[in-house]
Amino acid sequence: MDLVREGKRLGYRIIAAEGLNGATVIEGVKMLGKIVFEISGIEEARRLLAGLKKPGVLVGVVPLTVETARWIAHDRRVDTIVMTSKNMSVFDKKQASVMKYYGKPLEVAFTEISKSSEEIVGQFARKLRLLLGKNIPVIVSSGAREILEYQHPMVVSSYLAKLLSLDLKTAMSLISLNPYRVVSKLGV
């Protein structure tokens, strides 16, 4: 409940949170459920995704192998493909092409970027620039699990603008317009 209040205070109108089973409104903030799986094989993906899609629940997958990343890109049950420091290597030009063909957005948590070492932040920046250059919709989620991890949208967009050499409007779309497009596909 504190995370919802803090999100509202910072100006967020829609929040996706793990543990919710669907869409609801709490204190004037639209809440969506979110499920994120780390998957290392196609058979595991088939098993975990079977019958999983529910109204008002976003599904994100962290593919741990190139083969899984390629397969996940075409699966309609998956809303976003999540990049973390564990799986950056699967995001290459070929993966970008597959994601673009199937219209699959990339998601990365801001906490994952901001808490990483300088070397890892550099790797994130290179991968994100590659994907943005291929016109892949990129979503930067907060990744906040506690109040102190929440950042104001202007702080996040300014950081991303500087890190990725983007104008502020484009950087803001990574935390506003692009996530909204995914949410609107859910029909909530």
Protein backbone atom coordinates (compact mmCIF):
# COMPACT_ATOMS: atom_id res chain seq x y z
CA MET A 1 0.00 0.00 0.00
CA ASP A 2 2.90 2.35 0.75
CA LEU A 3 4.31 1.72 -2.74
CA VAL A 4 0.97 2.72 -4.26
CA ARG A 5 0.83 5.94 -2.23
CA GLU A 6 4.40 6.82 -3.15
CA GLY A 7 3.78 6.04 -6.82
CA LYS A 8 0.72 8.28 -6.78
CA ARG A 9 2.68 11.07 -5.05
CA LEU A 10 5.33 10.88 -7.77
CA GLY A 11 2.69 11.13 -10.48
CA TYR A 12 2.36 7.53 -11.66
CA ARG A 13 -1.22 6.72 -12.73
CA ILE A 14 -0.73 3.03 -13.62
CA ILE A 15 1.39 0.60 -11.63
CA ALA A 16 2.04 -3.06 -12.46
CA ALA A 17 2.91 -5.15 -9.42
CA GLU A 18 3.79 -8.77 -8.96
CA GLY A 19 1.34 -10.65 -6.78
CA LEU A 20 -1.86 -9.08 -8.12
CA ASN A 21 -4.24 -11.36 -10.04
CA GLY A 22 -5.78 -8.69 -12.27
CA ALA A 23 -6.60 -5.04 -12.72
CA THR A 24 -7.97 -2.97 -9.85
CA VAL A 25 -7.92 0.63 -8.65
CA ILE A 26 -6.27 1.47 -5.33
CA GLU A 27 -6.37 5.05 -4.05
CA GLY A 28 -7.03 6.36 -7.54
CA VAL A 29 -4.13 4.45 -9.14
CA LYS A 30 -4.86 1.75 -11.71
CA MET A 31 -3.09 -1.41 -10.56
CA LEU A 32 -2.22 -4.30 -12.87
CA GLY A 33 -0.88 -7.70 -12.01
CA LYS A 34 2.55 -8.66 -13.28
CA ILE A 35 4.26 -12.01 -13.67
CA VAL A 36 7.93 -12.29 -14.61
CA PHE A 37 9.61 -15.61 -15.38
CA GLU A 38 13.26 -16.42 -15.91
CA ILE A 39 13.22 -19.09 -18.61
CA SER A 40 16.17 -21.05 -19.95
CA GLY A 41 14.51 -23.35 -22.49
CA ILE A 42 11.63 -23.58 -24.93
CA GLU A 43 9.98 -26.56 -23.19
CA GLU A 44 10.12 -24.67 -19.89
CA ALA A 45 8.54 -21.66 -21.64
CA ARG A 46 5.73 -23.79 -23.05
CA ARG A 47 5.04 -25.30 -19.65
CA LEU A 48 5.13 -22.02 -17.68
CA LEU A 49 3.10 -20.01 -20.20
CA ALA A 50 0.36 -22.61 -20.75
CA GLY A 51 -2.97 -21.18 -19.63
CA LEU A 52 -1.24 -18.27 -17.92
CA LYS A 53 -2.71 -15.25 -19.71
CA LYS A 54 -5.32 -13.46 -17.58
CA PRO A 55 -7.06 -10.11 -18.07
CA GLY A 56 -5.23 -7.26 -16.35
CA VAL A 57 -1.98 -9.19 -15.89
CA LEU A 58 1.24 -8.35 -17.71
CA VAL A 59 3.60 -11.21 -18.53
CA GLY A 60 7.32 -10.55 -18.81
CA VAL A 61 9.98 -13.12 -19.60
CA VAL A 62 13.70 -13.00 -18.86
CA PRO A 63 15.12 -15.36 -21.51
CA LEU A 64 18.42 -16.84 -20.38
CA THR A 65 19.44 -18.35 -23.73
CA VAL A 66 19.47 -17.05 -27.30
CA GLU A 67 17.20 -19.89 -28.45
CA THR A 68 14.64 -19.03 -25.77
CA ALA A 69 14.80 -15.32 -26.55
CA ARG A 70 14.07 -15.97 -30.24
CA TRP A 71 11.14 -18.25 -29.41
CA ILE A 72 9.67 -15.93 -26.74
CA ALA A 73 9.64 -13.03 -29.21
CA HIS A 74 6.84 -14.64 -31.22
CA ASP A 75 4.70 -15.86 -28.29
CA ARG A 76 1.53 -13.76 -27.95
CA ARG A 77 1.16 -14.63 -24.27
CA VAL A 78 4.31 -12.64 -23.50
CA ASP A 79 3.87 -8.87 -23.20
CA THR A 80 7.52 -7.87 -22.71
CA ILE A 81 10.95 -9.42 -23.01
CA VAL A 82 12.98 -8.37 -19.99
CA MET A 83 16.68 -7.53 -20.12
CA THR A 84 18.73 -7.87 -16.94
CA SER A 85 22.44 -7.97 -16.22
CA LYS A 86 22.16 -11.80 -16.43
CA ASN A 87 20.88 -12.00 -20.01
CA MET A 88 22.23 -8.98 -21.90
CA SER A 89 24.19 -11.23 -24.24
CA VAL A 90 21.00 -12.57 -25.90
CA PHE A 91 20.10 -9.09 -27.20
CA ASP A 92 21.95 -8.80 -30.48
CA LYS A 93 21.00 -7.57 -33.97
CA LYS A 94 19.22 -10.83 -34.79
CA GLN A 95 17.14 -10.65 -31.58
CA ALA A 96 16.29 -7.03 -32.38
CA SER A 97 15.08 -8.09 -35.84
CA VAL A 98 12.90 -10.85 -34.40
CA MET A 99 11.46 -8.52 -31.76
CA LYS A 100 10.73 -5.88 -34.37
CA TYR A 101 9.04 -8.37 -36.69
CA TYR A 102 6.72 -9.59 -33.92
CA GLY A 103 6.29 -6.16 -32.31
CA LYS A 104 7.63 -7.35 -28.98
CA PRO A 105 8.84 -4.60 -26.61
CA LEU A 106 11.92 -4.78 -24.42
CA GLU A 107 11.62 -4.05 -20.71
CA VAL A 108 14.42 -3.13 -18.36
CA ALA A 109 14.06 -2.10 -14.71
CA PHE A 110 15.52 1.26 -13.76
CA THR A 111 16.72 -0.19 -10.45
CA GLU A 112 18.68 -2.79 -12.44
CA ILE A 113 20.50 -0.03 -14.33
CA SER A 114 20.96 2.44 -11.48
CA LYS A 115 22.32 -0.11 -9.00
CA SER A 116 24.81 -1.69 -11.41
CA SER A 117 28.53 -1.11 -11.67
CA GLU A 118 29.86 1.39 -14.21
CA GLU A 119 30.87 -1.45 -16.53
CA ILE A 120 27.39 -3.03 -16.48
CA VAL A 121 25.73 0.38 -16.98
CA GLY A 122 27.91 0.80 -20.08
CA GLN A 123 26.75 -2.59 -21.37
CA PHE A 124 23.11 -1.65 -20.73
CA ALA A 125 23.64 1.61 -22.61
CA ARG A 126 25.16 -0.17 -25.64
CA LYS A 127 22.38 -2.77 -25.79
CA LEU A 128 19.63 -0.18 -25.32
CA ARG A 129 21.10 2.06 -28.03
CA LEU A 130 21.22 -0.95 -30.38
CA LEU A 131 17.58 -1.82 -29.73
CA LEU A 132 16.38 1.79 -29.91
CA GLY A 133 18.30 2.16 -33.18
CA LYS A 134 16.34 -0.80 -34.56
CA ASN A 135 13.05 0.89 -33.51
CA ILE A 136 12.26 -1.65 -30.81
CA PRO A 137 9.83 -0.22 -28.24
CA VAL A 138 11.79 0.04 -25.00
CA ILE A 139 10.07 0.22 -21.63
CA VAL A 140 11.95 1.30 -18.54
CA SER A 141 9.99 0.12 -15.52
CA SER A 142 10.81 1.33 -12.02
CA GLY A 143 11.68 -2.10 -10.63
CA ALA A 144 10.95 -0.63 -7.18
CA ARG A 145 10.30 -3.14 -4.45
CA GLU A 146 10.44 -0.57 -1.66
CA ILE A 147 9.68 3.14 -1.34
CA LEU A 148 13.31 4.29 -1.42
CA GLU A 149 13.78 2.66 -4.84
CA TYR A 150 11.08 4.80 -6.48
CA GLN A 151 12.36 7.70 -8.55
CA HIS A 152 10.49 10.70 -9.89
CA PRO A 153 9.70 10.34 -13.63
CA MET A 154 11.79 13.43 -14.46
CA VAL A 155 14.80 11.95 -12.64
CA VAL A 156 14.46 8.69 -14.58
CA SER A 157 13.94 10.38 -17.96
CA SER A 158 16.84 12.81 -17.39
CA TYR A 159 19.14 9.94 -16.45
CA LEU A 160 18.07 7.95 -19.53
CA ALA A 161 18.45 10.98 -21.82
CA LYS A 162 22.03 11.47 -20.65
CA LEU A 163 22.92 7.75 -20.62
CA LEU A 164 21.47 6.98 -24.05
CA SER A 165 22.10 10.36 -25.76
CA LEU A 166 18.36 10.93 -26.26
CA ASP A 167 16.29 14.07 -26.20
CA LEU A 168 14.15 14.41 -23.07
CA LYS A 169 10.87 13.76 -24.92
CA THR A 170 12.13 10.45 -26.31
CA ALA A 171 13.54 9.46 -22.92
CA MET A 172 10.19 10.27 -21.30
CA SER A 173 8.41 7.99 -23.79
CA LEU A 174 10.40 5.04 -22.39
CA ILE A 175 8.61 5.44 -19.06
CA SER A 176 5.25 6.77 -20.26
CA LEU A 177 4.09 6.24 -23.86
CA ASN A 178 5.75 2.86 -24.49
CA PRO A 179 4.45 1.23 -21.28
CA TYR A 180 1.01 2.73 -21.92
CA ARG A 181 0.90 1.08 -25.36
CA VAL A 182 1.52 -2.33 -23.77
CA VAL A 183 -1.10 -1.73 -21.08
CA SER A 184 -3.68 -0.54 -23.62
CA LYS A 185 -3.24 -3.82 -25.55
CA LEU A 186 -4.50 -5.58 -22.42
CA GLY A 187 -7.73 -3.65 -22.75
CA VAL A 188 -7.63 -2.16 -19.26
